[in-house]
């Protein structure tokens, strides 16, 4: 659900911004919106594939026990 809402918000913002660019045909505007959405999707897929850069939790080191 969250990803769908993100894409809808990005789509609305892109359409709003691209509509104010003069001297572009409708075909070029559609191409710009589609390419920007594909880039956004690729970045999200990369972030999910790498787990948002989250590192594995460090394990405790039990080798430093005090010997009696």
N, C-alpha and C. Protein backbone atom coordinates (compact mmCIF):
# COMPACT_ATOMS: atom_id res chain seq x y z
N UNK A 1 0.83 -1.20 0.00
CA UNK A 1 0.00 0.00 0.00
C UNK A 1 0.86 1.25 0.00
N UNK A 2 1.92 1.26 0.76
CA UNK A 2 2.75 2.46 0.87
C UNK A 2 3.47 2.78 -0.42
N UNK A 3 3.91 1.74 -1.13
CA UNK A 3 4.62 1.97 -2.38
C UNK A 3 3.66 2.51 -3.44
N UNK A 4 2.45 2.01 -3.46
CA UNK A 4 1.45 2.50 -4.41
C UNK A 4 1.13 3.96 -4.16
N UNK A 5 0.99 4.32 -2.90
CA UNK A 5 0.72 5.72 -2.57
C UNK A 5 1.90 6.60 -2.94
N UNK A 6 3.11 6.09 -2.75
CA UNK A 6 4.30 6.85 -3.12
C UNK A 6 4.34 7.10 -4.63
N UNK A 7 4.02 6.08 -5.41
CA UNK A 7 4.01 6.25 -6.86
C UNK A 7 2.92 7.22 -7.31
N UNK A 8 1.78 7.19 -6.68
CA UNK A 8 0.71 8.12 -7.05
C UNK A 8 1.12 9.55 -6.73
N UNK A 9 1.74 9.76 -5.58
CA UNK A 9 2.19 11.10 -5.20
C UNK A 9 3.27 11.59 -6.16
N UNK A 10 4.25 10.73 -6.47
CA UNK A 10 5.30 11.11 -7.40
C UNK A 10 4.72 11.40 -8.78
N UNK A 11 3.76 10.60 -9.21
CA UNK A 11 3.13 10.81 -10.51
C UNK A 11 2.42 12.15 -10.57
N UNK A 12 1.68 12.50 -9.54
CA UNK A 12 0.97 13.77 -9.52
C UNK A 12 1.94 14.94 -9.53
N UNK A 13 3.00 14.84 -8.74
CA UNK A 13 3.99 15.92 -8.70
C UNK A 13 4.69 16.06 -10.05
N UNK A 14 5.04 14.94 -10.67
CA UNK A 14 5.70 15.00 -11.97
C UNK A 14 4.80 15.61 -13.04
N UNK A 15 3.54 15.20 -13.06
CA UNK A 15 2.61 15.76 -14.04
C UNK A 15 2.44 17.25 -13.82
N UNK A 16 2.36 17.66 -12.56
CA UNK A 16 2.21 19.07 -12.24
C UNK A 16 3.44 19.87 -12.69
N UNK A 17 4.64 19.35 -12.41
CA UNK A 17 5.85 20.07 -12.79
C UNK A 17 6.09 20.07 -14.30
N UNK A 18 5.84 18.95 -14.95
CA UNK A 18 6.08 18.86 -16.39
C UNK A 18 5.07 19.69 -17.17
N UNK A 19 3.88 19.85 -16.64
CA UNK A 19 2.87 20.62 -17.37
C UNK A 19 3.23 22.09 -17.51
N UNK A 20 4.09 22.60 -16.62
CA UNK A 20 4.49 24.00 -16.69
C UNK A 20 5.72 24.25 -17.55
N UNK A 21 6.30 23.22 -18.14
CA UNK A 21 7.47 23.40 -19.02
C UNK A 21 6.95 23.76 -20.41
N UNK A 22 7.30 24.94 -20.89
CA UNK A 22 6.82 25.34 -22.22
C UNK A 22 7.62 24.64 -23.32
N UNK A 23 7.13 24.71 -24.52
CA UNK A 23 7.79 24.20 -25.74
C UNK A 23 8.04 22.70 -25.72
N UNK A 24 7.22 21.95 -25.00
CA UNK A 24 7.30 20.49 -25.04
C UNK A 24 5.99 19.94 -25.57
N UNK A 25 6.11 18.97 -26.44
CA UNK A 25 4.90 18.32 -26.94
C UNK A 25 4.37 17.37 -25.88
N UNK A 26 3.15 16.93 -26.07
CA UNK A 26 2.54 15.99 -25.12
C UNK A 26 3.33 14.68 -25.09
N UNK A 27 3.85 14.28 -26.22
CA UNK A 27 4.62 13.05 -26.29
C UNK A 27 5.90 13.14 -25.44
N UNK A 28 6.58 14.27 -25.50
CA UNK A 28 7.80 14.45 -24.71
C UNK A 28 7.47 14.52 -23.22
N UNK A 29 6.36 15.14 -22.88
CA UNK A 29 5.96 15.23 -21.47
C UNK A 29 5.66 13.85 -20.90
N UNK A 30 4.96 13.03 -21.67
CA UNK A 30 4.64 11.67 -21.24
C UNK A 30 5.93 10.86 -21.09
N UNK A 31 6.86 11.04 -22.03
CA UNK A 31 8.14 10.33 -21.96
C UNK A 31 8.92 10.72 -20.70
N UNK A 32 8.92 11.99 -20.35
CA UNK A 32 9.62 12.46 -19.15
C UNK A 32 9.00 11.85 -17.90
N UNK A 33 7.67 11.82 -17.83
CA UNK A 33 6.99 11.28 -16.64
C UNK A 33 7.26 9.78 -16.51
N UNK A 34 7.18 9.05 -17.61
CA UNK A 34 7.41 7.60 -17.56
C UNK A 34 8.85 7.28 -17.18
N UNK A 35 9.80 8.01 -17.75
CA UNK A 35 11.21 7.74 -17.42
C UNK A 35 11.51 8.09 -15.96
N UNK A 36 10.92 9.15 -15.44
CA UNK A 36 11.14 9.49 -14.03
C UNK A 36 10.53 8.44 -13.11
N UNK A 37 9.37 7.91 -13.46
CA UNK A 37 8.77 6.85 -12.66
C UNK A 37 9.60 5.57 -12.69
N UNK A 38 10.17 5.26 -13.83
CA UNK A 38 11.02 4.07 -13.92
C UNK A 38 12.28 4.24 -13.07
N UNK A 39 12.84 5.43 -13.06
CA UNK A 39 14.01 5.69 -12.22
C UNK A 39 13.63 5.56 -10.75
N UNK A 40 12.47 6.10 -10.37
CA UNK A 40 12.00 6.00 -8.99
C UNK A 40 11.79 4.54 -8.60
N UNK A 41 11.21 3.76 -9.49
CA UNK A 41 10.99 2.33 -9.23
C UNK A 41 12.32 1.59 -9.08
N UNK A 42 13.30 1.93 -9.92
CA UNK A 42 14.61 1.28 -9.85
C UNK A 42 15.30 1.59 -8.52
N UNK A 43 15.21 2.83 -8.07
CA UNK A 43 15.83 3.20 -6.80
C UNK A 43 15.15 2.47 -5.64
N UNK A 44 13.83 2.40 -5.65
CA UNK A 44 13.12 1.68 -4.60
C UNK A 44 13.45 0.19 -4.60
N UNK A 45 13.55 -0.39 -5.78
CA UNK A 45 13.90 -1.81 -5.88
C UNK A 45 15.31 -2.05 -5.33
N UNK A 46 16.23 -1.14 -5.63
CA UNK A 46 17.59 -1.28 -5.11
C UNK A 46 17.60 -1.14 -3.59
N UNK A 47 16.83 -0.20 -3.06
CA UNK A 47 16.79 -0.02 -1.61
C UNK A 47 16.20 -1.24 -0.91
N UNK A 48 15.14 -1.81 -1.48
CA UNK A 48 14.56 -3.01 -0.88
C UNK A 48 15.49 -4.21 -1.01
N UNK A 49 16.23 -4.29 -2.11
CA UNK A 49 17.13 -5.42 -2.31
C UNK A 49 18.30 -5.37 -1.33
N UNK A 50 18.72 -4.17 -0.97
CA UNK A 50 19.84 -4.03 -0.04
C UNK A 50 19.37 -3.77 1.38
N UNK A 51 18.09 -3.90 1.63
CA UNK A 51 17.50 -3.71 2.96
C UNK A 51 17.82 -2.33 3.52
N UNK A 52 17.75 -1.31 2.66
CA UNK A 52 17.97 0.09 3.04
C UNK A 52 19.34 0.31 3.65
N UNK A 53 20.33 -0.46 3.23
CA UNK A 53 21.70 -0.29 3.72
C UNK A 53 21.87 -0.74 5.16
N UNK A 54 20.93 -1.51 5.67
CA UNK A 54 21.00 -1.95 7.05
C UNK A 54 22.07 -3.02 7.20
N UNK A 55 22.91 -2.82 8.17
CA UNK A 55 23.96 -3.80 8.42
C UNK A 55 23.44 -4.89 9.33
N UNK A 56 24.11 -6.01 9.26
CA UNK A 56 23.74 -7.11 10.14
C UNK A 56 24.11 -6.75 11.57
N UNK A 57 23.32 -7.15 12.52
CA UNK A 57 23.67 -6.82 13.91
C UNK A 57 24.95 -7.53 14.34
N UNK A 58 25.73 -6.83 15.11
CA UNK A 58 26.99 -7.41 15.56
C UNK A 58 26.72 -8.44 16.65
N UNK A 59 27.42 -9.54 16.55
CA UNK A 59 27.27 -10.59 17.55
C UNK A 59 28.26 -10.35 18.68
N UNK A 60 27.89 -10.78 19.84
CA UNK A 60 28.77 -10.61 20.98
C UNK A 60 30.00 -11.49 20.83
N UNK A 61 31.10 -10.96 21.27
CA UNK A 61 32.36 -11.70 21.18
C UNK A 61 32.59 -12.42 22.52
N UNK A 62 32.41 -13.74 22.51
CA UNK A 62 32.55 -14.52 23.73
C UNK A 62 33.98 -15.02 23.96
N UNK A 63 34.89 -14.69 23.08
CA UNK A 63 36.25 -15.20 23.22
C UNK A 63 37.07 -14.41 24.23
N UNK A 64 36.54 -13.34 24.74
CA UNK A 64 37.31 -12.52 25.71
C UNK A 64 36.84 -12.78 27.13
N UNK A 65 36.56 -14.03 27.45
CA UNK A 65 36.14 -14.37 28.80
C UNK A 65 37.35 -14.33 29.74
N UNK A 66 37.09 -14.00 30.96
CA UNK A 66 38.14 -13.94 31.96
C UNK A 66 38.44 -15.36 32.46
N UNK A 67 39.69 -15.74 32.35
CA UNK A 67 40.10 -17.08 32.79
C UNK A 67 40.58 -17.00 34.23
N UNK A 68 40.17 -17.97 35.06
CA UNK A 68 40.56 -17.99 36.48
C UNK A 68 41.67 -18.96 36.70
